[in-house]
Amino acid sequence: MLRSLEHEQLLNRAQKAYDNKEYSKSMTLLNEVLESDDRNVKALFLIANIFHIKGEISKAIKHLKKFLMQTLITQMPLLVYRFFIMILVIMKRLRKYSQQQVKE
């Protein structure tokens, strides 16, 4: 399994190859990342883009779905927290509104 630093170096090289339109090289590096971390959202997203650019839409959709699911999973705690805070704010506003209605 690749260490975190090696992952980051591979991803940086893959991004640079992608930016230079060296899609085959980028794909090779990204697949190497995914061999040890099949949930790496950056690699999944770049691969989806490469397949889209190459016109391989079904493969692009497959990797984009993986990217979206993994993003949702990794962001879920933050989303739940934000939702909870939003509910608390709404409840506070409703309480304040109902107190105003009682006074009138």
PDB file of N, CA and C in Angstrom:
ATOM      1  N   MET A   1       0.838  -1.189   0.000  1.00  0.00           N
ATOM      2  CA  MET A   1       0.000   0.000   0.000  1.00  0.00           C
ATOM      3  C   MET A   1       0.881   1.251   0.000  1.00  0.00           C
ATOM      4  N   LEU A   2       0.490   2.208  -0.800  1.00  0.00           N
ATOM      5  CA  LEU A   2       1.269   3.431  -0.888  1.00  0.00           C
ATOM      6  C   LEU A   2       1.074   4.290   0.348  1.00  0.00           C
ATOM      7  N   ARG A   3       2.133   4.939   0.743  1.00  0.00           N
ATOM      8  CA  ARG A   3       2.041   5.869   1.860  1.00  0.00           C
ATOM      9  C   ARG A   3       1.397   7.161   1.381  1.00  0.00           C
ATOM     10  N   SER A   4       0.962   7.941   2.309  1.00  0.00           N
ATOM     11  CA  SER A   4       0.260   9.193   2.010  1.00  0.00           C
ATOM     12  C   SER A   4       1.098  10.128   1.128  1.00  0.00           C
ATOM     13  N   LEU A   5       2.365  10.270   1.446  1.00  0.00           N
ATOM     14  CA  LEU A   5       3.245  11.148   0.669  1.00  0.00           C
ATOM     15  C   LEU A   5       3.374  10.644  -0.763  1.00  0.00           C
ATOM     16  N   GLU A   6       3.522   9.332  -0.926  1.00  0.00           N
ATOM     17  CA  GLU A   6       3.626   8.762  -2.267  1.00  0.00           C
ATOM     18  C   GLU A   6       2.331   8.974  -3.048  1.00  0.00           C
ATOM     19  N   HIS A   7       1.188   8.836  -2.364  1.00  0.00           N
ATOM     20  CA  HIS A   7      -0.100   9.126  -3.004  1.00  0.00           C
ATOM     21  C   HIS A   7      -0.127  10.541  -3.532  1.00  0.00           C
ATOM     22  N   GLU A   8       0.247  11.460  -2.676  1.00  0.00           N
ATOM     23  CA  GLU A   8       0.215  12.877  -3.039  1.00  0.00           C
ATOM     24  C   GLU A   8       1.132  13.166  -4.218  1.00  0.00           C
ATOM     25  N   GLN A   9       2.319  12.560  -4.219  1.00  0.00           N
ATOM     26  CA  GLN A   9       3.253  12.751  -5.334  1.00  0.00           C
ATOM     27  C   GLN A   9       2.676  12.191  -6.634  1.00  0.00           C
ATOM     28  N   LEU A  10       2.092  10.989  -6.560  1.00  0.00           N
ATOM     29  CA  LEU A  10       1.478  10.404  -7.747  1.00  0.00           C
ATOM     30  C   LEU A  10       0.325  11.258  -8.256  1.00  0.00           C
ATOM     31  N   LEU A  11      -0.507  11.734  -7.334  1.00  0.00           N
ATOM     32  CA  LEU A  11      -1.628  12.587  -7.729  1.00  0.00           C
ATOM     33  C   LEU A  11      -1.151  13.889  -8.360  1.00  0.00           C
ATOM     34  N   ASN A  12      -0.094  14.451  -7.816  1.00  0.00           N
ATOM     35  CA  ASN A  12       0.453  15.686  -8.392  1.00  0.00           C
ATOM     36  C   ASN A  12       0.991  15.448  -9.803  1.00  0.00           C
ATOM     37  N   ARG A  13       1.693  14.327  -9.974  1.00  0.00           N
ATOM     38  CA  ARG A  13       2.209  13.994 -11.311  1.00  0.00           C
ATOM     39  C   ARG A  13       1.062  13.723 -12.281  1.00  0.00           C
ATOM     40  N   ALA A  14       0.040  13.044 -11.802  1.00  0.00           N
ATOM     41  CA  ALA A  14      -1.135  12.744 -12.643  1.00  0.00           C
ATOM     42  C   ALA A  14      -1.847  14.032 -13.036  1.00  0.00           C
ATOM     43  N   GLN A  15      -1.985  14.950 -12.084  1.00  0.00           N
ATOM     44  CA  GLN A  15      -2.636  16.235 -12.378  1.00  0.00           C
ATOM     45  C   GLN A  15      -1.834  17.026 -13.406  1.00  0.00           C
ATOM     46  N   LYS A  16      -0.516  17.013 -13.251  1.00  0.00           N
ATOM     47  CA  LYS A  16       0.344  17.735 -14.201  1.00  0.00           C
ATOM     48  C   LYS A  16       0.221  17.123 -15.600  1.00  0.00           C
ATOM     49  N   ALA A  17       0.221  15.795 -15.687  1.00  0.00           N
ATOM     50  CA  ALA A  17       0.050  15.127 -16.980  1.00  0.00           C
ATOM     51  C   ALA A  17      -1.321  15.456 -17.564  1.00  0.00           C
ATOM     52  N   TYR A  18      -2.342  15.456 -16.728  1.00  0.00           N
ATOM     53  CA  TYR A  18      -3.697  15.804 -17.168  1.00  0.00           C
ATOM     54  C   TYR A  18      -3.724  17.236 -17.715  1.00  0.00           C
ATOM     55  N   ASP A  19      -3.136  18.160 -16.975  1.00  0.00           N
ATOM     56  CA  ASP A  19      -3.098  19.566 -17.401  1.00  0.00           C
ATOM     57  C   ASP A  19      -2.368  19.739 -18.729  1.00  0.00           C
ATOM     58  N   ASN A  20      -1.379  18.862 -18.975  1.00  0.00           N
ATOM     59  CA  ASN A  20      -0.615  18.901 -20.232  1.00  0.00           C
ATOM     60  C   ASN A  20      -1.253  18.051 -21.335  1.00  0.00           C
ATOM     61  N   LYS A  21      -2.464  17.559 -21.062  1.00  0.00           N
ATOM     62  CA  LYS A  21      -3.234  16.732 -22.007  1.00  0.00           C
ATOM     63  C   LYS A  21      -2.527  15.409 -22.323  1.00  0.00           C
ATOM     64  N   GLU A  22      -1.719  14.936 -21.382  1.00  0.00           N
ATOM     65  CA  GLU A  22      -1.069  13.631 -21.492  1.00  0.00           C
ATOM     66  C   GLU A  22      -1.950  12.631 -20.746  1.00  0.00           C
ATOM     67  N   TYR A  23      -3.105  12.323 -21.349  1.00  0.00           N
ATOM     68  CA  TYR A  23      -4.136  11.569 -20.653  1.00  0.00           C
ATOM     69  C   TYR A  23      -3.744  10.121 -20.364  1.00  0.00           C
ATOM     70  N   SER A  24      -3.014   9.486 -21.267  1.00  0.00           N
ATOM     71  CA  SER A  24      -2.587   8.105 -21.015  1.00  0.00           C
ATOM     72  C   SER A  24      -1.649   8.027 -19.815  1.00  0.00           C
ATOM     73  N   LYS A  25      -0.702   8.946 -19.763  1.00  0.00           N
ATOM     74  CA  LYS A  25       0.234   8.989 -18.636  1.00  0.00           C
ATOM     75  C   LYS A  25      -0.523   9.271 -17.342  1.00  0.00           C
ATOM     76  N   SER A  26      -1.431  10.236 -17.392  1.00  0.00           N
ATOM     77  CA  SER A  26      -2.221  10.573 -16.215  1.00  0.00           C
ATOM     78  C   SER A  26      -3.042   9.375 -15.756  1.00  0.00           C
ATOM     79  N   MET A  27      -3.664   8.677 -16.694  1.00  0.00           N
ATOM     80  CA  MET A  27      -4.491   7.510 -16.365  1.00  0.00           C
ATOM     81  C   MET A  27      -3.660   6.420 -15.690  1.00  0.00           C
ATOM     82  N   THR A  28      -2.461   6.192 -16.186  1.00  0.00           N
ATOM     83  CA  THR A  28      -1.569   5.187 -15.596  1.00  0.00           C
ATOM     84  C   THR A  28      -1.259   5.527 -14.138  1.00  0.00           C
ATOM     85  N   LEU A  29      -0.925   6.778 -13.894  1.00  0.00           N
ATOM     86  CA  LEU A  29      -0.608   7.216 -12.535  1.00  0.00           C
ATOM     87  C   LEU A  29      -1.836   7.144 -11.625  1.00  0.00           C
ATOM     88  N   LEU A  30      -2.976   7.532 -12.149  1.00  0.00           N
ATOM     89  CA  LEU A  30      -4.208   7.509 -11.354  1.00  0.00           C
ATOM     90  C   LEU A  30      -4.622   6.083 -11.008  1.00  0.00           C
ATOM     91  N   ASN A  31      -4.453   5.172 -11.958  1.00  0.00           N
ATOM     92  CA  ASN A  31      -4.771   3.766 -11.677  1.00  0.00           C
ATOM     93  C   ASN A  31      -3.850   3.193 -10.607  1.00  0.00           C
ATOM     94  N   GLU A  32      -2.617   3.668 -10.589  1.00  0.00           N
ATOM     95  CA  GLU A  32      -1.679   3.234  -9.552  1.00  0.00           C
ATOM     96  C   GLU A  32      -2.162   3.698  -8.177  1.00  0.00           C
ATOM     97  N   VAL A  33      -2.682   4.913  -8.114  1.00  0.00           N
ATOM     98  CA  VAL A  33      -3.245   5.419  -6.859  1.00  0.00           C
ATOM     99  C   VAL A  33      -4.442   4.566  -6.447  1.00  0.00           C
ATOM    100  N   LEU A  34      -5.328   4.287  -7.406  1.00  0.00           N
ATOM    101  CA  LEU A  34      -6.547   3.543  -7.097  1.00  0.00           C
ATOM    102  C   LEU A  34      -6.278   2.089  -6.703  1.00  0.00           C
ATOM    103  N   GLU A  35      -5.143   1.540  -7.129  1.00  0.00           N
ATOM    104  CA  GLU A  35      -4.792   0.168  -6.728  1.00  0.00           C
ATOM    105  C   GLU A  35      -4.657   0.048  -5.214  1.00  0.00           C
ATOM    106  N   SER A  36      -4.159   1.097  -4.592  1.00  0.00           N
ATOM    107  CA  SER A  36      -3.992   1.043  -3.145  1.00  0.00           C
ATOM    108  C   SER A  36      -5.056   1.843  -2.395  1.00  0.00           C
ATOM    109  N   ASP A  37      -5.792   2.684  -3.103  1.00  0.00           N
ATOM    110  CA  ASP A  37      -6.844   3.483  -2.465  1.00  0.00           C
ATOM    111  C   ASP A  37      -7.967   3.695  -3.478  1.00  0.00           C
ATOM    112  N   ASP A  38      -8.861   2.700  -3.563  1.00  0.00           N
ATOM    113  CA  ASP A  38      -9.913   2.754  -4.583  1.00  0.00           C
ATOM    114  C   ASP A  38     -11.002   3.774  -4.280  1.00  0.00           C
ATOM    115  N   ARG A  39     -10.841   4.518  -3.186  1.00  0.00           N
ATOM    116  CA  ARG A  39     -11.810   5.545  -2.804  1.00  0.00           C
ATOM    117  C   ARG A  39     -11.255   6.955  -2.941  1.00  0.00           C
ATOM    118  N   ASN A  40     -10.123   7.091  -3.588  1.00  0.00           N
ATOM    119  CA  ASN A  40      -9.491   8.402  -3.707  1.00  0.00           C
ATOM    120  C   ASN A  40     -10.313   9.283  -4.652  1.00  0.00           C
ATOM    121  N   VAL A  41     -10.951  10.297  -4.086  1.00  0.00           N
ATOM    122  CA  VAL A  41     -11.889  11.105  -4.867  1.00  0.00           C
ATOM    123  C   VAL A  41     -11.206  11.911  -5.979  1.00  0.00           C
ATOM    124  N   LYS A  42     -10.021  12.376  -5.732  1.00  0.00           N
ATOM    125  CA  LYS A  42      -9.318  13.152  -6.768  1.00  0.00           C
ATOM    126  C   LYS A  42      -9.005  12.262  -7.970  1.00  0.00           C
ATOM    127  N   ALA A  43      -8.528  11.055  -7.705  1.00  0.00           N
ATOM    128  CA  ALA A  43      -8.213  10.119  -8.788  1.00  0.00           C
ATOM    129  C   ALA A  43      -9.482   9.732  -9.541  1.00  0.00           C
ATOM    130  N   LEU A  44     -10.553   9.435  -8.815  1.00  0.00           N
ATOM    131  CA  LEU A  44     -11.817   9.064  -9.461  1.00  0.00           C
ATOM    132  C   LEU A  44     -12.346  10.194 -10.337  1.00  0.00           C
ATOM    133  N   PHE A  45     -12.256  11.420  -9.839  1.00  0.00           N
ATOM    134  CA  PHE A  45     -12.743  12.574 -10.598  1.00  0.00           C
ATOM    135  C   PHE A  45     -11.921  12.806 -11.869  1.00  0.00           C
ATOM    136  N   LEU A  46     -10.602  12.732 -11.747  1.00  0.00           N
ATOM    137  CA  LEU A  46      -9.750  12.938 -12.923  1.00  0.00           C
ATOM    138  C   LEU A  46      -9.961  11.832 -13.962  1.00  0.00           C
ATOM    139  N   ILE A  47     -10.108  10.602 -13.498  1.00  0.00           N
ATOM    140  CA  ILE A  47     -10.347   9.500 -14.432  1.00  0.00           C
ATOM    141  C   ILE A  47     -11.681   9.702 -15.150  1.00  0.00           C
ATOM    142  N   ALA A  48     -12.696  10.110 -14.422  1.00  0.00           N
ATOM    143  CA  ALA A  48     -13.999  10.384 -15.044  1.00  0.00           C
ATOM    144  C   ALA A  48     -13.849  11.452 -16.121  1.00  0.00           C
ATOM    145  N   ASN A  49     -13.068  12.492 -15.829  1.00  0.00           N
ATOM    146  CA  ASN A  49     -12.850  13.551 -16.818  1.00  0.00           C
ATOM    147  C   ASN A  49     -12.092  13.043 -18.041  1.00  0.00           C
ATOM    148  N   ILE A  50     -11.104  12.201 -17.809  1.00  0.00           N
ATOM    149  CA  ILE A  50     -10.330  11.655 -18.936  1.00  0.00           C
ATOM    150  C   ILE A  50     -11.229  10.818 -19.836  1.00  0.00           C
ATOM    151  N   PHE A  51     -12.037   9.953 -19.236  1.00  0.00           N
ATOM    152  CA  PHE A  51     -12.957   9.150 -20.044  1.00  0.00           C
ATOM    153  C   PHE A  51     -13.931  10.044 -20.807  1.00  0.00           C
ATOM    154  N   HIS A  52     -14.393  11.112 -20.179  1.00  0.00           N
ATOM    155  CA  HIS A  52     -15.298  12.046 -20.859  1.00  0.00           C
ATOM    156  C   HIS A  52     -14.607  12.699 -22.051  1.00  0.00           C
ATOM    157  N   ILE A  53     -13.392  13.154 -21.841  1.00  0.00           N
ATOM    158  CA  ILE A  53     -12.625  13.796 -22.924  1.00  0.00           C
ATOM    159  C   ILE A  53     -12.419  12.828 -24.084  1.00  0.00           C
ATOM    160  N   LYS A  54     -12.153  11.559 -23.747  1.00  0.00           N
ATOM    161  CA  LYS A  54     -11.927  10.543 -24.789  1.00  0.00           C
ATOM    162  C   LYS A  54     -13.226  10.071 -25.428  1.00  0.00           C
ATOM    163  N   GLY A  55     -14.358  10.523 -24.916  1.00  0.00           N
ATOM    164  CA  GLY A  55     -15.637  10.127 -25.480  1.00  0.00           C
ATOM    165  C   GLY A  55     -16.153   8.791 -24.972  1.00  0.00           C
ATOM    166  N   GLU A  56     -15.545   8.263 -23.937  1.00  0.00           N
ATOM    167  CA  GLU A  56     -15.985   6.993 -23.347  1.00  0.00           C
ATOM    168  C   GLU A  56     -16.961   7.327 -22.211  1.00  0.00           C
ATOM    169  N   ILE A  57     -18.170   7.689 -22.617  1.00  0.00           N
ATOM    170  CA  ILE A  57     -19.140   8.262 -21.700  1.00  0.00           C
ATOM    171  C   ILE A  57     -19.588   7.277 -20.621  1.00  0.00           C
ATOM    172  N   SER A  58     -19.825   6.013 -20.988  1.00  0.00           N
ATOM    173  CA  SER A  58     -20.287   5.059 -19.975  1.00  0.00           C
ATOM    174  C   SER A  58     -19.231   4.862 -18.883  1.00  0.00           C
ATOM    175  N   LYS A  59     -17.960   4.839 -19.270  1.00  0.00           N
ATOM    176  CA  LYS A  59     -16.887   4.723 -18.271  1.00  0.00           C
ATOM    177  C   LYS A  59     -16.779   6.009 -17.450  1.00  0.00           C
ATOM    178  N   ALA A  60     -16.991   7.134 -18.097  1.00  0.00           N
ATOM    179  CA  ALA A  60     -16.959   8.413 -17.380  1.00  0.00           C
ATOM    180  C   ALA A  60     -18.062   8.448 -16.331  1.00  0.00           C
ATOM    181  N   ILE A  61     -19.261   8.004 -16.708  1.00  0.00           N
ATOM    182  CA  ILE A  61     -20.385   7.991 -15.775  1.00  0.00           C
ATOM    183  C   ILE A  61     -20.111   7.051 -14.616  1.00  0.00           C
ATOM    184  N   LYS A  62     -19.556   5.881 -14.906  1.00  0.00           N
ATOM    185  CA  LYS A  62     -19.229   4.898 -13.862  1.00  0.00           C
ATOM    186  C   LYS A  62     -18.289   5.515 -12.814  1.00  0.00           C
ATOM    187  N   HIS A  63     -17.234   6.174 -13.266  1.00  0.00           N
ATOM    188  CA  HIS A  63     -16.271   6.760 -12.332  1.00  0.00           C
ATOM    189  C   HIS A  63     -16.839   8.006 -11.652  1.00  0.00           C
ATOM    190  N   LEU A  64     -17.674   8.739 -12.351  1.00  0.00           N
ATOM    191  CA  LEU A  64     -18.303   9.903 -11.731  1.00  0.00           C
ATOM    192  C   LEU A  64     -19.251   9.467 -10.611  1.00  0.00           C
ATOM    193  N   LYS A  65     -19.971   8.370 -10.818  1.00  0.00           N
ATOM    194  CA  LYS A  65     -20.836   7.836  -9.758  1.00  0.00           C
ATOM    195  C   LYS A  65     -20.011   7.432  -8.540  1.00  0.00           C
ATOM    196  N   LYS A  66     -18.883   6.759  -8.785  1.00  0.00           N
ATOM    197  CA  LYS A  66     -18.003   6.377  -7.674  1.00  0.00           C
ATOM    198  C   LYS A  66     -17.506   7.619  -6.939  1.00  0.00           C
ATOM    199  N   PHE A  67     -17.123   8.633  -7.718  1.00  0.00           N
ATOM    200  CA  PHE A  67     -16.648   9.890  -7.139  1.00  0.00           C
ATOM    201  C   PHE A  67     -17.733  10.518  -6.270  1.00  0.00           C
ATOM    202  N   LEU A  68     -18.947  10.608  -6.797  1.00  0.00           N
ATOM    203  CA  LEU A  68     -20.042  11.234  -6.060  1.00  0.00           C
ATOM    204  C   LEU A  68     -20.378  10.464  -4.785  1.00  0.00           C
ATOM    205  N   MET A  69     -20.431   9.143  -4.876  1.00  0.00           N
ATOM    206  CA  MET A  69     -20.726   8.338  -3.697  1.00  0.00           C
ATOM    207  C   MET A  69     -19.640   8.507  -2.638  1.00  0.00           C
ATOM    208  N   GLN A  70     -18.403   8.481  -3.062  1.00  0.00           N
ATOM    209  CA  GLN A  70     -17.302   8.613  -2.103  1.00  0.00           C
ATOM    210  C   GLN A  70     -17.290  10.008  -1.493  1.00  0.00           C
ATOM    211  N   THR A  71     -17.571  11.017  -2.294  1.00  0.00           N
ATOM    212  CA  THR A  71     -17.632  12.382  -1.781  1.00  0.00           C
ATOM    213  C   THR A  71     -18.738  12.500  -0.751  1.00  0.00           C
ATOM    214  N   LEU A  72     -19.882  11.917  -1.057  1.00  0.00           N
ATOM    215  CA  LEU A  72     -21.008  11.957  -0.123  1.00  0.00           C
ATOM    216  C   LEU A  72     -20.650  11.251   1.182  1.00  0.00           C
ATOM    217  N   ILE A  73     -20.015  10.095   1.078  1.00  0.00           N
ATOM    218  CA  ILE A  73     -19.636   9.337   2.275  1.00  0.00           C
ATOM    219  C   ILE A  73     -18.633  10.111   3.127  1.00  0.00           C
ATOM    220  N   THR A  74     -17.636  10.682   2.486  1.00  0.00           N
ATOM    221  CA  THR A  74     -16.608  11.390   3.261  1.00  0.00           C
ATOM    222  C   THR A  74     -17.120  12.711   3.818  1.00  0.00           C
ATOM    223  N   GLN A  75     -18.097  13.312   3.152  1.00  0.00           N
ATOM    224  CA  GLN A  75     -18.636  14.594   3.602  1.00  0.00           C
ATOM    225  C   GLN A  75     -19.861  14.446   4.494  1.00  0.00           C
ATOM    226  N   MET A  76     -20.387  13.225   4.645  1.00  0.00           N
ATOM    227  CA  MET A  76     -21.628  13.015   5.384  1.00  0.00           C
ATOM    228  C   MET A  76     -21.585  13.590   6.799  1.00  0.00           C
ATOM    229  N   PRO A  77     -20.544  13.346   7.599  1.00  0.00           N
ATOM    230  CA  PRO A  77     -20.552  13.928   8.954  1.00  0.00           C
ATOM    231  C   PRO A  77     -20.704  15.447   8.937  1.00  0.00           C
ATOM    232  N   LEU A  78     -20.022  16.109   8.028  1.00  0.00           N
ATOM    233  CA  LEU A  78     -20.116  17.561   7.926  1.00  0.00           C
ATOM    234  C   LEU A  78     -21.519  17.981   7.494  1.00  0.00           C
ATOM    235  N   LEU A  79     -22.094  17.256   6.538  1.00  0.00           N
ATOM    236  CA  LEU A  79     -23.440  17.576   6.076  1.00  0.00           C
ATOM    237  C   LEU A  79     -24.465  17.381   7.186  1.00  0.00           C
ATOM    238  N   VAL A  80     -24.332  16.309   7.935  1.00  0.00           N
ATOM    239  CA  VAL A  80     -25.254  16.055   9.052  1.00  0.00           C
ATOM    240  C   VAL A  80     -25.122  17.165  10.083  1.00  0.00           C
ATOM    241  N   TYR A  81     -23.913  17.552  10.402  1.00  0.00           N
ATOM    242  CA  TYR A  81     -23.677  18.632  11.369  1.00  0.00           C
ATOM    243  C   TYR A  81     -24.331  19.928  10.884  1.00  0.00           C
ATOM    244  N   ARG A  82     -24.115  20.281   9.627  1.00  0.00           N
ATOM    245  CA  ARG A  82     -24.702  21.509   9.082  1.00  0.00           C
ATOM    246  C   ARG A  82     -26.226  21.443   9.096  1.00  0.00           C
ATOM    247  N   PHE A  83     -26.774  20.278   8.769  1.00  0.00           N
ATOM    248  CA  PHE A  83     -28.214  20.097   8.790  1.00  0.00           C
ATOM    249  C   PHE A  83     -28.743  20.274  10.211  1.00  0.00           C
ATOM    250  N   PHE A  84     -28.060  19.688  11.183  1.00  0.00           N
ATOM    251  CA  PHE A  84     -28.454  19.808  12.584  1.00  0.00           C
ATOM    252  C   PHE A  84     -28.450  21.272  13.023  1.00  0.00           C
ATOM    253  N   ILE A  85     -27.419  22.011  12.684  1.00  0.00           N
ATOM    254  CA  ILE A  85     -27.333  23.429  13.028  1.00  0.00           C
ATOM    255  C   ILE A  85     -28.470  24.194  12.371  1.00  0.00           C
ATOM    256  N   MET A  86     -28.750  23.889  11.113  1.00  0.00           N
ATOM    257  CA  MET A  86     -29.829  24.550  10.402  1.00  0.00           C
ATOM    258  C   MET A  86     -31.170  24.295  11.100  1.00  0.00           C
ATOM    259  N   ILE A  87     -31.406  23.066  11.535  1.00  0.00           N
ATOM    260  CA  ILE A  87     -32.641  22.729  12.252  1.00  0.00           C
ATOM    261  C   ILE A  87     -32.732  23.518  13.555  1.00  0.00           C
ATOM    262  N   LEU A  88     -31.619  23.620  14.274  1.00  0.00           N
ATOM    263  CA  LEU A  88     -31.620  24.386  15.522  1.00  0.00           C
ATOM    264  C   LEU A  88     -31.957  25.856  15.275  1.00  0.00           C
ATOM    265  N   VAL A  89     -31.410  26.427  14.237  1.00  0.00           N
ATOM    266  CA  VAL A  89     -31.681  27.827  13.904  1.00  0.00           C
ATOM    267  C   VAL A  89     -33.159  28.001  13.548  1.00  0.00           C
ATOM    268  N   ILE A  90     -33.690  27.089  12.766  1.00  0.00           N
ATOM    269  CA  ILE A  90     -35.109  27.167  12.387  1.00  0.00           C
ATOM    270  C   ILE A  90     -35.994  27.043  13.622  1.00  0.00           C
ATOM    271  N   MET A  91     -35.660  26.111  14.504  1.00  0.00           N
ATOM    272  CA  MET A  91     -36.455  25.935  15.721  1.00  0.00           C
ATOM    273  C   MET A  91     -36.424  27.198  16.583  1.00  0.00           C
ATOM    274  N   LYS A  92     -35.271  27.816  16.688  1.00  0.00           N
ATOM    275  CA  LYS A  92     -35.136  29.046  17.467  1.00  0.00           C
ATOM    276  C   LYS A  92     -35.995  30.153  16.865  1.00  0.00           C
ATOM    277  N   ARG A  93     -35.966  30.283  15.545  1.00  0.00           N
ATOM    278  CA  ARG A  93     -36.773  31.305  14.880  1.00  0.00           C
ATOM    279  C   ARG A  93     -38.265  31.028  15.046  1.00  0.00           C
ATOM    280  N   LEU A  94     -38.655  29.757  14.957  1.00  0.00           N
ATOM    281  CA  LEU A  94     -40.061  29.394  15.146  1.00  0.00           C
ATOM    282  C   LEU A  94     -40.517  29.695  16.573  1.00  0.00           C
ATOM    283  N   ARG A  95     -39.661  29.389  17.534  1.00  0.00           N
ATOM    284  CA  ARG A  95     -39.984  29.673  18.929  1.00  0.00           C
ATOM    285  C   ARG A  95     -40.174  31.174  19.138  1.00  0.00           C
ATOM    286  N   LYS A  96     -39.270  31.965  18.575  1.00  0.00           N
ATOM    287  CA  LYS A  96     -39.354  33.415  18.690  1.00  0.00           C
ATOM    288  C   LYS A  96     -40.624  33.927  18.014  1.00  0.00           C
ATOM    289  N   TYR A  97     -40.929  33.389  16.863  1.00  0.00           N
ATOM    290  CA  TYR A  97     -42.134  33.797  16.135  1.00  0.00           C
ATOM    291  C   TYR A  97     -43.386  33.444  16.935  1.00  0.00           C
ATOM    292  N   SER A  98     -43.431  32.240  17.485  1.00  0.00           N
ATOM    293  CA  SER A  98     -44.615  31.817  18.241  1.00  0.00           C
ATOM    294  C   SER A  98     -44.781  32.657  19.500  1.00  0.00           C
ATOM    295  N   GLN A  99     -43.673  33.059  20.143  1.00  0.00           N
ATOM    296  CA  GLN A  99     -43.754  33.921  21.324  1.00  0.00           C
ATOM    297  C   GLN A  99     -44.303  35.284  20.949  1.00  0.00           C
ATOM    298  N   GLN A 100     -43.931  35.796  19.780  1.00  0.00           N
ATOM    299  CA  GLN A 100     -44.451  37.061  19.314  1.00  0.00           C
ATOM    300  C   GLN A 100     -45.943  36.970  19.030  1.00  0.00           C
ATOM    301  N   GLN A 101     -46.379  35.852  18.495  1.00  0.00           N
ATOM    302  CA  GLN A 101     -47.784  35.650  18.180  1.00  0.00           C
ATOM    303  C   GLN A 101     -48.634  35.597  19.447  1.00  0.00           C
ATOM    304  N   VAL A 102     -48.107  34.995  20.510  1.00  0.00           N
ATOM    305  CA  VAL A 102     -48.823  34.898  21.780  1.00  0.00           C
ATOM    306  C   VAL A 102     -49.003  36.289  22.387  1.00  0.00           C
ATOM    307  N   LYS A 103     -47.988  37.146  22.282  1.00  0.00           N
ATOM    308  CA  LYS A 103     -48.046  38.501  22.843  1.00  0.00           C
ATOM    309  C   LYS A 103     -49.082  39.359  22.137  1.00  0.00           C
ATOM    310  N   GLU A 104     -49.337  39.086  20.874  1.00  0.00           N
ATOM    311  CA  GLU A 104     -50.265  39.918  20.096  1.00  0.00           C
ATOM    312  C   GLU A 104     -51.623  39.500  20.374  1.00  0.00           C
TER     313      GLU A 104
END
